[in-house]
PDB file of N, CA and C in Angstrom:
ATOM      1  N   MET A   1       8.014   2.601  -6.605  1.00  0.00           N
ATOM      2  CA  MET A   1       7.887   1.650  -5.530  1.00  0.00           C
ATOM      3  C   MET A   1       6.643   2.013  -4.735  1.00  0.00           C
ATOM      4  N   GLY A   2       5.804   1.034  -4.456  1.00  0.00           N
ATOM      5  CA  GLY A   2       4.617   1.292  -3.663  1.00  0.00           C
ATOM      6  C   GLY A   2       3.547   0.244  -3.877  1.00  0.00           C
ATOM      7  N   LEU A   3       2.346   0.568  -3.468  1.00  0.00           N
ATOM      8  CA  LEU A   3       1.213  -0.338  -3.591  1.00  0.00           C
ATOM      9  C   LEU A   3       0.623  -0.245  -4.998  1.00  0.00           C
ATOM     10  N   ALA A   4       0.238  -1.397  -5.554  1.00  0.00           N
ATOM     11  CA  ALA A   4      -0.310  -1.435  -6.912  1.00  0.00           C
ATOM     12  C   ALA A   4      -1.804  -1.725  -6.845  1.00  0.00           C
ATOM     13  N   ARG A   5      -2.613  -0.741  -7.245  1.00  0.00           N
ATOM     14  CA  ARG A   5      -4.068  -0.921  -7.238  1.00  0.00           C
ATOM     15  C   ARG A   5      -4.486  -1.663  -8.500  1.00  0.00           C
ATOM     16  N   ARG A   6      -4.908  -2.900  -8.319  1.00  0.00           N
ATOM     17  CA  ARG A   6      -5.312  -3.736  -9.449  1.00  0.00           C
ATOM     18  C   ARG A   6      -6.733  -4.250  -9.310  1.00  0.00           C
ATOM     19  N   HIS A   7      -7.410  -3.913  -8.225  1.00  0.00           N
ATOM     20  CA  HIS A   7      -8.771  -4.382  -7.988  1.00  0.00           C
ATOM     21  C   HIS A   7      -9.694  -3.178  -7.879  1.00  0.00           C
ATOM     22  N   LEU A   8     -10.909  -3.304  -8.415  1.00  0.00           N
ATOM     23  CA  LEU A   8     -11.903  -2.241  -8.340  1.00  0.00           C
ATOM     24  C   LEU A   8     -13.152  -2.807  -7.688  1.00  0.00           C
ATOM     25  N   ILE A   9     -13.522  -2.233  -6.536  1.00  0.00           N
ATOM     26  CA  ILE A   9     -14.703  -2.679  -5.807  1.00  0.00           C
ATOM     27  C   ILE A   9     -15.579  -1.468  -5.541  1.00  0.00           C
ATOM     28  N   ASN A  10     -16.772  -1.479  -6.071  1.00  0.00           N
ATOM     29  CA  ASN A  10     -17.734  -0.384  -5.889  1.00  0.00           C
ATOM     30  C   ASN A  10     -17.098   0.985  -6.162  1.00  0.00           C
ATOM     31  N   GLY A  11     -16.341   1.076  -7.242  1.00  0.00           N
ATOM     32  CA  GLY A  11     -15.725   2.339  -7.634  1.00  0.00           C
ATOM     33  C   GLY A  11     -14.463   2.703  -6.887  1.00  0.00           C
ATOM     34  N   CYS A  12     -13.948   1.812  -6.074  1.00  0.00           N
ATOM     35  CA  CYS A  12     -12.769   2.101  -5.251  1.00  0.00           C
ATOM     36  C   CYS A  12     -11.612   1.194  -5.663  1.00  0.00           C
ATOM     37  N   GLY A  13     -10.458   1.794  -5.978  1.00  0.00           N
ATOM     38  CA  GLY A  13      -9.273   1.020  -6.308  1.00  0.00           C
ATOM     39  C   GLY A  13      -8.643   0.450  -5.050  1.00  0.00           C
ATOM     40  N   ILE A  14      -8.354  -0.846  -5.063  1.00  0.00           N
ATOM     41  CA  ILE A  14      -7.822  -1.548  -3.900  1.00  0.00           C
ATOM     42  C   ILE A  14      -6.495  -2.215  -4.285  1.00  0.00           C
ATOM     43  N   ALA A  15      -5.532  -2.158  -3.383  1.00  0.00           N
ATOM     44  CA  ALA A  15      -4.230  -2.785  -3.623  1.00  0.00           C
ATOM     45  C   ALA A  15      -4.025  -3.950  -2.672  1.00  0.00           C
ATOM     46  N   LYS A  16      -3.460  -5.028  -3.190  1.00  0.00           N
ATOM     47  CA  LYS A  16      -3.074  -6.169  -2.368  1.00  0.00           C
ATOM     48  C   LYS A  16      -1.582  -6.465  -2.468  1.00  0.00           C
ATOM     49  N   HIS A  17      -0.877  -5.763  -3.369  1.00  0.00           N
ATOM     50  CA  HIS A  17       0.537  -6.051  -3.590  1.00  0.00           C
ATOM     51  C   HIS A  17       1.394  -4.798  -3.479  1.00  0.00           C
ATOM     52  N   PHE A  18       2.596  -5.006  -2.973  1.00  0.00           N
ATOM     53  CA  PHE A  18       3.629  -3.980  -2.907  1.00  0.00           C
ATOM     54  C   PHE A  18       4.603  -4.293  -4.043  1.00  0.00           C
ATOM     55  N   GLU A  19       4.901  -3.294  -4.884  1.00  0.00           N
ATOM     56  CA  GLU A  19       5.717  -3.541  -6.062  1.00  0.00           C
ATOM     57  C   GLU A  19       6.742  -2.439  -6.273  1.00  0.00           C
ATOM     58  N   SER A  20       7.825  -2.782  -6.965  1.00  0.00           N
ATOM     59  CA  SER A  20       8.796  -1.764  -7.375  1.00  0.00           C
ATOM     60  C   SER A  20       9.202  -2.047  -8.822  1.00  0.00           C
ATOM     61  N   TYR A  21       9.548  -0.968  -9.512  1.00  0.00           N
ATOM     62  CA  TYR A  21       9.857  -1.049 -10.939  1.00  0.00           C
ATOM     63  C   TYR A  21      11.094  -0.225 -11.259  1.00  0.00           C
ATOM     64  N   ILE A  22      11.684  -0.515 -12.411  1.00  0.00           N
ATOM     65  CA  ILE A  22      12.647   0.384 -13.020  1.00  0.00           C
ATOM     66  C   ILE A  22      12.052   0.796 -14.365  1.00  0.00           C
ATOM     67  N   VAL A  23      12.423   1.967 -14.819  1.00  0.00           N
ATOM     68  CA  VAL A  23      11.901   2.475 -16.080  1.00  0.00           C
ATOM     69  C   VAL A  23      12.786   1.980 -17.222  1.00  0.00           C
ATOM     70  N   ASP A  24      12.170   1.310 -18.176  1.00  0.00           N
ATOM     71  CA  ASP A  24      12.848   0.867 -19.389  1.00  0.00           C
ATOM     72  C   ASP A  24      12.642   1.960 -20.436  1.00  0.00           C
ATOM     73  N   TYR A  25      13.602   2.888 -20.510  1.00  0.00           N
ATOM     74  CA  TYR A  25      13.468   4.037 -21.408  1.00  0.00           C
ATOM     75  C   TYR A  25      13.485   3.638 -22.886  1.00  0.00           C
ATOM     76  N   ARG A  26      14.210   2.595 -23.208  1.00  0.00           N
ATOM     77  CA  ARG A  26      14.306   2.167 -24.608  1.00  0.00           C
ATOM     78  C   ARG A  26      12.948   1.714 -25.148  1.00  0.00           C
ATOM     79  N   ASN A  27      12.218   0.930 -24.353  1.00  0.00           N
ATOM     80  CA  ASN A  27      10.917   0.409 -24.797  1.00  0.00           C
ATOM     81  C   ASN A  27       9.738   1.181 -24.202  1.00  0.00           C
ATOM     82  N   CYS A  28      10.033   2.248 -23.454  1.00  0.00           N
ATOM     83  CA  CYS A  28       8.982   3.054 -22.801  1.00  0.00           C
ATOM     84  C   CYS A  28       8.042   2.163 -21.995  1.00  0.00           C
ATOM     85  N   ASN A  29       8.623   1.433 -21.071  1.00  0.00           N
ATOM     86  CA  ASN A  29       7.871   0.470 -20.288  1.00  0.00           C
ATOM     87  C   ASN A  29       8.415   0.423 -18.863  1.00  0.00           C
ATOM     88  N   LEU A  30       7.649  -0.182 -17.967  1.00  0.00           N
ATOM     89  CA  LEU A  30       8.112  -0.436 -16.603  1.00  0.00           C
ATOM     90  C   LEU A  30       8.499  -1.901 -16.483  1.00  0.00           C
ATOM     91  N   GLU A  31       9.638  -2.147 -15.863  1.00  0.00           N
ATOM     92  CA  GLU A  31      10.093  -3.510 -15.652  1.00  0.00           C
ATOM     93  C   GLU A  31      10.010  -3.825 -14.163  1.00  0.00           C
ATOM     94  N   THR A  32       9.278  -4.870 -13.823  1.00  0.00           N
ATOM     95  CA  THR A  32       9.077  -5.239 -12.425  1.00  0.00           C
ATOM     96  C   THR A  32      10.378  -5.748 -11.821  1.00  0.00           C
ATOM     97  N   VAL A  33      10.741  -5.169 -10.670  1.00  0.00           N
ATOM     98  CA  VAL A  33      11.934  -5.582  -9.945  1.00  0.00           C
ATOM     99  C   VAL A  33      11.548  -6.469  -8.763  1.00  0.00           C
ATOM    100  N   TYR A  34      10.440  -6.109  -8.110  1.00  0.00           N
ATOM    101  CA  TYR A  34      10.026  -6.816  -6.898  1.00  0.00           C
ATOM    102  C   TYR A  34       8.511  -6.741  -6.777  1.00  0.00           C
ATOM    103  N   ARG A  35       7.893  -7.847  -6.355  1.00  0.00           N
ATOM    104  CA  ARG A  35       6.444  -7.875  -6.123  1.00  0.00           C
ATOM    105  C   ARG A  35       6.146  -8.875  -5.017  1.00  0.00           C
ATOM    106  N   THR A  36       5.377  -8.430  -4.021  1.00  0.00           N
ATOM    107  CA  THR A  36       4.984  -9.313  -2.929  1.00  0.00           C
ATOM    108  C   THR A  36       3.607  -8.900  -2.429  1.00  0.00           C
ATOM    109  N   GLU A  37       2.910  -9.837  -1.842  1.00  0.00           N
ATOM    110  CA  GLU A  37       1.590  -9.526  -1.280  1.00  0.00           C
ATOM    111  C   GLU A  37       1.773  -8.733   0.008  1.00  0.00           C
ATOM    112  N   TRP A  38       0.978  -7.674   0.161  1.00  0.00           N
ATOM    113  CA  TRP A  38       1.021  -6.873   1.383  1.00  0.00           C
ATOM    114  C   TRP A  38       0.365  -7.682   2.493  1.00  0.00           C
ATOM    115  N   LYS A  39       1.058  -7.841   3.603  1.00  0.00           N
ATOM    116  CA  LYS A  39       0.564  -8.627   4.740  1.00  0.00           C
ATOM    117  C   LYS A  39      -0.011  -7.702   5.809  1.00  0.00           C
ATOM    118  N   VAL A  40      -1.042  -8.160   6.491  1.00  0.00           N
ATOM    119  CA  VAL A  40      -1.630  -7.407   7.591  1.00  0.00           C
ATOM    120  C   VAL A  40      -0.585  -7.283   8.693  1.00  0.00           C
ATOM    121  N   ALA A  41      -0.293  -6.033   9.101  1.00  0.00           N
ATOM    122  CA  ALA A  41       0.731  -5.808  10.114  1.00  0.00           C
ATOM    123  C   ALA A  41       0.195  -5.043  11.316  1.00  0.00           C
ATOM    124  N   SER A  42      -1.100  -4.762  11.322  1.00  0.00           N
ATOM    125  CA  SER A  42      -1.682  -4.035  12.449  1.00  0.00           C
ATOM    126  C   SER A  42      -3.165  -4.395  12.565  1.00  0.00           C
ATOM    127  N   PRO A  43      -3.761  -4.120  13.712  1.00  0.00           N
ATOM    128  CA  PRO A  43      -5.194  -4.405  13.873  1.00  0.00           C
ATOM    129  C   PRO A  43      -6.076  -3.395  13.139  1.00  0.00           C
ATOM    130  N   TYR A  44      -5.479  -2.411  12.482  1.00  0.00           N
ATOM    131  CA  TYR A  44      -6.235  -1.369  11.783  1.00  0.00           C
ATOM    132  C   TYR A  44      -6.321  -1.627  10.281  1.00  0.00           C
ATOM    133  N   GLU A  45      -5.992  -2.838   9.857  1.00  0.00           N
ATOM    134  CA  GLU A  45      -6.074  -3.215   8.452  1.00  0.00           C
ATOM    135  C   GLU A  45      -7.018  -4.398   8.311  1.00  0.00           C
ATOM    136  N   ARG A  46      -7.873  -4.358   7.287  1.00  0.00           N
ATOM    137  CA  ARG A  46      -8.764  -5.488   7.015  1.00  0.00           C
ATOM    138  C   ARG A  46      -7.939  -6.659   6.502  1.00  0.00           C
ATOM    139  N   LYS A  47      -8.409  -7.854   6.773  1.00  0.00           N
ATOM    140  CA  LYS A  47      -7.699  -9.038   6.321  1.00  0.00           C
ATOM    141  C   LYS A  47      -8.026  -9.395   4.871  1.00  0.00           C
ATOM    142  N   ASP A  48      -9.216  -9.012   4.390  1.00  0.00           N
ATOM    143  CA  ASP A  48      -9.597  -9.364   3.019  1.00  0.00           C
ATOM    144  C   ASP A  48      -9.152  -8.315   1.999  1.00  0.00           C
ATOM    145  N   TRP A  49      -9.434  -7.055   2.241  1.00  0.00           N
ATOM    146  CA  TRP A  49      -9.010  -5.963   1.367  1.00  0.00           C
ATOM    147  C   TRP A  49      -8.202  -5.005   2.230  1.00  0.00           C
ATOM    148  N   LEU A  50      -6.887  -5.062   2.111  1.00  0.00           N
ATOM    149  CA  LEU A  50      -6.001  -4.409   3.064  1.00  0.00           C
ATOM    150  C   LEU A  50      -5.884  -2.905   2.891  1.00  0.00           C
ATOM    151  N   THR A  51      -5.592  -2.466   1.674  1.00  0.00           N
ATOM    152  CA  THR A  51      -5.244  -1.060   1.492  1.00  0.00           C
ATOM    153  C   THR A  51      -6.040  -0.422   0.366  1.00  0.00           C
ATOM    154  N   HIS A  52      -6.228   0.863   0.515  1.00  0.00           N
ATOM    155  CA  HIS A  52      -6.896   1.644  -0.518  1.00  0.00           C
ATOM    156  C   HIS A  52      -5.951   1.894  -1.688  1.00  0.00           C
ATOM    157  N   GLY A  53      -4.674   1.736  -1.476  1.00  0.00           N
ATOM    158  CA  GLY A  53      -3.718   1.812  -2.565  1.00  0.00           C
ATOM    159  C   GLY A  53      -2.771   2.987  -2.515  1.00  0.00           C
ATOM    160  N   TYR A  54      -3.028   3.947  -1.647  1.00  0.00           N
ATOM    161  CA  TYR A  54      -2.119   5.084  -1.548  1.00  0.00           C
ATOM    162  C   TYR A  54      -1.019   4.774  -0.549  1.00  0.00           C
ATOM    163  N   SER A  55       0.206   5.109  -0.910  1.00  0.00           N
ATOM    164  CA  SER A  55       1.324   4.891  -0.010  1.00  0.00           C
ATOM    165  C   SER A  55       2.408   5.920  -0.292  1.00  0.00           C
ATOM    166  N   SER A  56       3.269   6.080   0.685  1.00  0.00           N
ATOM    167  CA  SER A  56       4.407   6.979   0.554  1.00  0.00           C
ATOM    168  C   SER A  56       5.567   6.359   1.320  1.00  0.00           C
ATOM    169  N   ILE A  57       6.736   6.394   0.719  1.00  0.00           N
ATOM    170  CA  ILE A  57       7.915   5.778   1.331  1.00  0.00           C
ATOM    171  C   ILE A  57       8.992   6.839   1.493  1.00  0.00           C
ATOM    172  N   VAL A  58       9.532   6.928   2.708  1.00  0.00           N
ATOM    173  CA  VAL A  58      10.538   7.939   3.028  1.00  0.00           C
ATOM    174  C   VAL A  58      11.698   7.264   3.748  1.00  0.00           C
ATOM    175  N   PHE A  59      12.935   7.580   3.338  1.00  0.00           N
ATOM    176  CA  PHE A  59      14.091   7.087   4.067  1.00  0.00           C
ATOM    177  C   PHE A  59      14.518   8.150   5.061  1.00  0.00           C
ATOM    178  N   ASP A  60      14.562   7.781   6.339  1.00  0.00           N
ATOM    179  CA  ASP A  60      14.970   8.675   7.420  1.00  0.00           C
ATOM    180  C   ASP A  60      16.467   8.474   7.651  1.00  0.00           C
ATOM    181  N   TYR A  61      17.283   9.333   7.062  1.00  0.00           N
ATOM    182  CA  TYR A  61      18.739   9.203   7.147  1.00  0.00           C
ATOM    183  C   TYR A  61      19.251   9.363   8.575  1.00  0.00           C
ATOM    184  N   ASP A  62      18.624  10.233   9.346  1.00  0.00           N
ATOM    185  CA  ASP A  62      19.084  10.483  10.709  1.00  0.00           C
ATOM    186  C   ASP A  62      18.958   9.258  11.610  1.00  0.00           C
ATOM    187  N   ASN A  63      17.926   8.460  11.398  1.00  0.00           N
ATOM    188  CA  ASN A  63      17.682   7.296  12.249  1.00  0.00           C
ATOM    189  C   ASN A  63      17.875   5.968  11.524  1.00  0.00           C
ATOM    190  N   ASN A  64      18.379   6.009  10.285  1.00  0.00           N
ATOM    191  CA  ASN A  64      18.672   4.814   9.504  1.00  0.00           C
ATOM    192  C   ASN A  64      17.475   3.861   9.434  1.00  0.00           C
ATOM    193  N   ARG A  65      16.362   4.373   8.958  1.00  0.00           N
ATOM    194  CA  ARG A  65      15.144   3.574   8.860  1.00  0.00           C
ATOM    195  C   ARG A  65      14.324   4.026   7.656  1.00  0.00           C
ATOM    196  N   VAL A  66      13.395   3.167   7.255  1.00  0.00           N
ATOM    197  CA  VAL A  66      12.450   3.482   6.193  1.00  0.00           C
ATOM    198  C   VAL A  66      11.072   3.616   6.819  1.00  0.00           C
ATOM    199  N   LEU A  67      10.375   4.679   6.464  1.00  0.00           N
ATOM    200  CA  LEU A  67       9.014   4.906   6.945  1.00  0.00           C
ATOM    201  C   LEU A  67       8.061   4.689   5.775  1.00  0.00           C
ATOM    202  N   ILE A  68       7.093   3.814   5.951  1.00  0.00           N
ATOM    203  CA  ILE A  68       6.111   3.519   4.913  1.00  0.00           C
ATOM    204  C   ILE A  68       4.739   3.922   5.432  1.00  0.00           C
ATOM    205  N   TYR A  69       4.161   4.911   4.785  1.00  0.00           N
ATOM    206  CA  TYR A  69       2.808   5.362   5.118  1.00  0.00           C
ATOM    207  C   TYR A  69       1.848   4.688   4.144  1.00  0.00           C
ATOM    208  N   ILE A  70       0.808   4.044   4.658  1.00  0.00           N
ATOM    209  CA  ILE A  70      -0.198   3.434   3.783  1.00  0.00           C
ATOM    210  C   ILE A  70      -1.588   3.879   4.204  1.00  0.00           C
ATOM    211  N   GLU A  71      -2.477   3.907   3.247  1.00  0.00           N
ATOM    212  CA  GLU A  71      -3.871   4.205   3.529  1.00  0.00           C
ATOM    213  C   GLU A  71      -4.607   2.865   3.576  1.00  0.00           C
ATOM    214  N   SER A  72      -4.928   2.425   4.784  1.00  0.00           N
ATOM    215  CA  SER A  72      -5.584   1.135   4.958  1.00  0.00           C
ATOM    216  C   SER A  72      -7.090   1.314   5.081  1.00  0.00           C
ATOM    217  N   ILE A  73      -7.793   0.223   4.858  1.00  0.00           N
ATOM    218  CA  ILE A  73      -9.246   0.217   5.009  1.00  0.00           C
ATOM    219  C   ILE A  73      -9.545  -0.278   6.418  1.00  0.00           C
ATOM    220  N   ASP A  74     -10.240   0.543   7.183  1.00  0.00           N
ATOM    221  CA  ASP A  74     -10.512   0.241   8.584  1.00  0.00           C
ATOM    222  C   ASP A  74     -11.425  -0.977   8.719  1.00  0.00           C
ATOM    223  N   PRO A  75     -11.039  -1.979   9.531  1.00  0.00           N
ATOM    224  CA  PRO A  75     -11.865  -3.177   9.680  1.00  0.00           C
ATOM    225  C   PRO A  75     -13.080  -2.981  10.578  1.00  0.00           C
ATOM    226  N   LYS A  76     -13.014  -2.047  11.498  1.00  0.00           N
ATOM    227  CA  LYS A  76     -14.104  -1.865  12.459  1.00  0.00           C
ATOM    228  C   LYS A  76     -15.245  -1.024  11.898  1.00  0.00           C
ATOM    229  N   TYR A  77     -14.919   0.076  11.246  1.00  0.00           N
ATOM    230  CA  TYR A  77     -15.947   1.020  10.814  1.00  0.00           C
ATOM    231  C   TYR A  77     -16.374   0.857   9.353  1.00  0.00           C
ATOM    232  N   THR A  78     -15.665   0.056   8.583  1.00  0.00           N
ATOM    233  CA  THR A  78     -16.048  -0.184   7.194  1.00  0.00           C
ATOM    234  C   THR A  78     -16.954  -1.402   7.122  1.00  0.00           C
ATOM    235  N   LYS A  79     -18.199  -1.176   6.775  1.00  0.00           N
ATOM    236  CA  LYS A  79     -19.151  -2.290   6.635  1.00  0.00           C
ATOM    237  C   LYS A  79     -19.095  -2.874   5.229  1.00  0.00           C
ATOM    238  N   GLU A  80     -18.816  -2.004   4.229  1.00  0.00           N
ATOM    239  CA  GLU A  80     -18.737  -2.442   2.839  1.00  0.00           C
ATOM    240  C   GLU A  80     -17.632  -1.642   2.149  1.00  0.00           C
ATOM    241  N   VAL A  81     -16.746  -2.357   1.441  1.00  0.00           N
ATOM    242  CA  VAL A  81     -15.682  -1.681   0.713  1.00  0.00           C
ATOM    243  C   VAL A  81     -16.296  -0.981  -0.495  1.00  0.00           C
ATOM    244  N   GLY A  82     -15.947   0.283  -0.660  1.00  0.00           N
ATOM    245  CA  GLY A  82     -16.465   1.056  -1.788  1.00  0.00           C
ATOM    246  C   GLY A  82     -16.120   2.521  -1.625  1.00  0.00           C
ATOM    247  N   TRP A  83     -16.246   3.259  -2.716  1.00  0.00           N
ATOM    248  CA  TRP A  83     -15.844   4.663  -2.743  1.00  0.00           C
ATOM    249  C   TRP A  83     -16.530   5.493  -1.661  1.00  0.00           C
ATOM    250  N   ALA A  84     -17.822   5.295  -1.452  1.00  0.00           N
ATOM    251  CA  ALA A  84     -18.575   6.133  -0.518  1.00  0.00           C
ATOM    252  C   ALA A  84     -18.954   5.415   0.774  1.00  0.00           C
ATOM    253  N   THR A  85     -18.478   4.183   0.962  1.00  0.00           N
ATOM    254  CA  THR A  85     -18.935   3.400   2.111  1.00  0.00           C
ATOM    255  C   THR A  85     -17.826   2.958   3.060  1.00  0.00           C
ATOM    256  N   GLN A  86     -16.586   3.216   2.736  1.00  0.00           N
ATOM    257  CA  GLN A  86     -15.506   2.719   3.592  1.00  0.00           C
ATOM    258  C   GLN A  86     -14.857   3.847   4.382  1.00  0.00           C
ATOM    259  N   VAL A  87     -14.198   3.448   5.462  1.00  0.00           N
ATOM    260  CA  VAL A  87     -13.438   4.378   6.292  1.00  0.00           C
ATOM    261  C   VAL A  87     -11.965   4.013   6.135  1.00  0.00           C
ATOM    262  N   ASP A  88     -11.147   5.005   5.781  1.00  0.00           N
ATOM    263  CA  ASP A  88      -9.714   4.782   5.590  1.00  0.00           C
ATOM    264  C   ASP A  88      -8.928   5.335   6.771  1.00  0.00           C
ATOM    265  N   ARG A  89      -7.769   4.733   7.000  1.00  0.00           N
ATOM    266  CA  ARG A  89      -6.839   5.186   8.041  1.00  0.00           C
ATOM    267  C   ARG A  89      -5.450   5.298   7.441  1.00  0.00           C
ATOM    268  N   TRP A  90      -4.676   6.282   7.880  1.00  0.00           N
ATOM    269  CA  TRP A  90      -3.269   6.364   7.519  1.00  0.00           C
ATOM    270  C   TRP A  90      -2.472   5.654   8.598  1.00  0.00           C
ATOM    271  N   ILE A  91      -1.643   4.712   8.182  1.00  0.00           N
ATOM    272  CA  ILE A  91      -0.838   3.921   9.111  1.00  0.00           C
ATOM    273  C   ILE A  91       0.634   4.106   8.743  1.00  0.00           C
ATOM    274  N   LEU A  92       1.469   4.210   9.762  1.00  0.00           N
ATOM    275  CA  LEU A  92       2.910   4.320   9.563  1.00  0.00           C
ATOM    276  C   LEU A  92       3.577   3.018   9.962  1.00  0.00           C
ATOM    277  N   HIS A  93       4.308   2.404   9.014  1.00  0.00           N
ATOM    278  CA  HIS A  93       5.115   1.227   9.294  1.00  0.00           C
ATOM    279  C   HIS A  93       6.581   1.655   9.241  1.00  0.00           C
ATOM    280  N   GLU A  94       7.369   1.077  10.126  1.00  0.00           N
ATOM    281  CA  GLU A  94       8.786   1.443  10.229  1.00  0.00           C
ATOM    282  C   GLU A  94       9.659   0.216  10.047  1.00  0.00           C
ATOM    283  N   ALA A  95      10.704   0.347   9.229  1.00  0.00           N
ATOM    284  CA  ALA A  95      11.683  -0.732   9.041  1.00  0.00           C
ATOM    285  C   ALA A  95      13.058  -0.186   9.385  1.00  0.00           C
ATOM    286  N   GLN A  96      13.692  -0.779  10.377  1.00  0.00           N
ATOM    287  CA  GLN A  96      15.030  -0.354  10.815  1.00  0.00           C
ATOM    288  C   GLN A  96      16.090  -1.063   9.983  1.00  0.00           C
ATOM    289  N   PHE A  97      17.225  -0.396   9.795  1.00  0.00           N
ATOM    290  CA  PHE A  97      18.384  -1.004   9.148  1.00  0.00           C
ATOM    291  C   PHE A  97      19.461  -1.217  10.202  1.00  0.00           C
ATOM    292  N   PRO A  98      20.232  -2.273  10.054  1.00  0.00           N
ATOM    293  CA  PRO A  98      21.295  -2.552  11.054  1.00  0.00           C
ATOM    294  C   PRO A  98      22.372  -1.492  11.055  1.00  0.00           C
TER     295      PRO A  98
END
């Protein structure tokens, strides 16, 4: 489960979709369970190329929430998306459960 890097811009892998899979052991393949476009949720994410593609998901049992860390491409300091030209930020998104 996480961001899927499917775009390459100036040597940099970029993700626009959040996806989850199950492992099909019989056919040695991944089967898509869920796929959606990642939406801009903060002013620290670019609107055209949102994320560098790295993410981490943690369930916080004590507070009944999911924490999603993503590496976004900074809209203010990145003049050009690319391996040596962009500025990345780590952003924490939180989803509460009832």
